[in-house]
Every structure is written in C-alpha cells, then in structure tokens.
Amino acid sequence: MIFQEKVIKVTNEPDLKEYELPFNWTKQCKRRKSGNTWDVYITHGSSGKRFRSNVAINDYLTNNPEVKCNRELTNCKYTYQA
C-alpha cells in the first residue's frame, strides 16, 4: 500500500524532530544540550517499546515476526529533513 510508505513530520523544532513512520512506528530526534549530537529514539506504538539502536529493533522484529516494519524508514539514523 502506498500510504504505508509515507513519513509524516509531526514536530520540527531546532532541538526536536518527530516523525510518524509506517506501521505505527515513530521516530524522535533530540539534540543534546551539549550541541551537535542528536539522540534518536524509535517507538513501536502498538507495544510501546522504545529503541535506541538498529540492533535492538532487529532483535525485536526477529522475536516478533508478526510486527510489520519498513526497515528503510524505521532506523536509528538522524534524519536531516528540513
């Protein structure tokens, strides 16, 4: 389905960027107070699980094969979209 491939920006502030991802996932990018470093959190809305690494996301998906996820969009890389 085409609509499952869209990313919707929810928040676009200098120190916080939030995105709605396909299949009820969200991405939150927070700038650290020290300056240029960003922390990225991925949350699965249905389970409430929060992840800080791609390894943790992969482990979760391996253990829960019924959970849908677009791995190209659902990752812990900082998103530079304006």
Protein backbone atom coordinates (compact mmCIF):
# COMPACT_ATOMS: atom_id res chain seq x y z
CA MET A 1 0.00 0.00 0.00
CA ILE A 2 1.33 3.40 -0.93
CA PHE A 3 0.18 5.18 2.26
CA GLN A 4 2.24 2.77 4.39
CA GLU A 5 5.44 4.13 2.80
CA LYS A 6 4.97 7.75 3.85
CA VAL A 7 6.83 9.60 6.57
CA ILE A 8 4.93 12.45 8.20
CA LYS A 9 6.83 15.10 10.11
CA VAL A 10 4.98 15.91 13.31
CA THR A 11 7.41 18.26 15.06
CA ASN A 12 10.12 20.43 13.54
CA GLU A 13 11.83 22.45 16.25
CA PRO A 14 15.53 23.35 16.47
CA ASP A 15 16.19 20.73 19.19
CA LEU A 16 13.41 18.22 18.48
CA LYS A 17 12.22 16.48 15.34
CA GLU A 18 9.45 13.87 15.40
CA TYR A 19 8.14 11.69 12.58
CA GLU A 20 5.27 9.28 12.12
CA LEU A 21 6.53 6.20 10.29
CA PRO A 22 4.65 3.39 8.55
CA PHE A 23 3.01 0.61 10.57
CA ASN A 24 2.51 2.66 13.75
CA TRP A 25 6.19 3.43 14.40
CA THR A 26 7.51 6.86 15.41
CA LYS A 27 10.96 8.43 15.32
CA GLN A 28 12.10 11.13 17.72
CA CYS A 29 15.36 13.02 17.25
CA LYS A 30 16.51 15.13 20.22
CA ARG A 31 19.54 17.40 20.19
CA ARG A 32 21.71 17.08 23.28
CA LYS A 33 22.25 20.22 25.36
CA SER A 34 25.97 19.99 24.56
CA GLY A 35 25.29 20.97 20.96
CA ASN A 36 25.72 18.99 17.75
CA THR A 37 24.95 15.44 18.87
CA TRP A 38 21.47 14.02 18.37
CA ASP A 39 19.83 11.10 20.18
CA VAL A 40 17.38 9.09 18.09
CA TYR A 41 14.56 7.01 19.57
CA ILE A 42 12.26 4.67 17.66
CA THR A 43 8.97 3.70 19.31
CA HIS A 44 6.55 0.98 18.24
CA GLY A 45 3.13 2.45 19.03
CA SER A 46 1.25 -0.82 19.44
CA SER A 47 3.62 -2.29 22.01
CA GLY A 48 5.04 0.93 23.48
CA LYS A 49 8.57 -0.47 23.09
CA ARG A 50 11.30 2.17 22.65
CA PHE A 51 14.59 1.50 20.87
CA ARG A 52 17.90 3.35 20.64
CA SER A 53 19.72 1.07 18.20
CA ASN A 54 19.09 -0.76 14.95
CA VAL A 55 20.35 -3.95 16.60
CA ALA A 56 17.60 -3.69 19.23
CA ILE A 57 14.98 -3.09 16.52
CA ASN A 58 16.22 -6.13 14.57
CA ASP A 59 16.14 -8.31 17.70
CA TYR A 60 12.59 -7.19 18.45
CA LEU A 61 11.44 -7.89 14.89
CA THR A 62 13.12 -11.32 14.90
CA ASN A 63 11.34 -12.25 18.13
CA ASN A 64 8.03 -10.77 16.93
CA PRO A 65 7.66 -11.77 13.26
CA GLU A 66 4.02 -10.61 13.18
CA VAL A 67 5.11 -6.97 13.68
CA LYS A 68 5.25 -5.04 10.41
CA CYS A 69 8.07 -2.59 9.79
CA ASN A 70 9.61 -0.72 6.86
CA ARG A 71 13.31 -1.14 7.70
CA GLU A 72 14.41 1.52 5.21
CA LEU A 73 12.49 4.16 7.16
CA THR A 74 12.48 2.69 10.66
CA ASN A 75 16.07 3.10 11.85
CA CYS A 76 18.11 4.98 14.43
CA LYS A 77 19.85 7.30 11.99
CA TYR A 78 19.36 11.03 12.49
CA THR A 79 17.00 12.38 9.83
CA TYR A 80 18.21 15.61 8.23
CA GLN A 81 14.93 16.63 6.61
CA ALA A 82 14.11 20.32 6.92
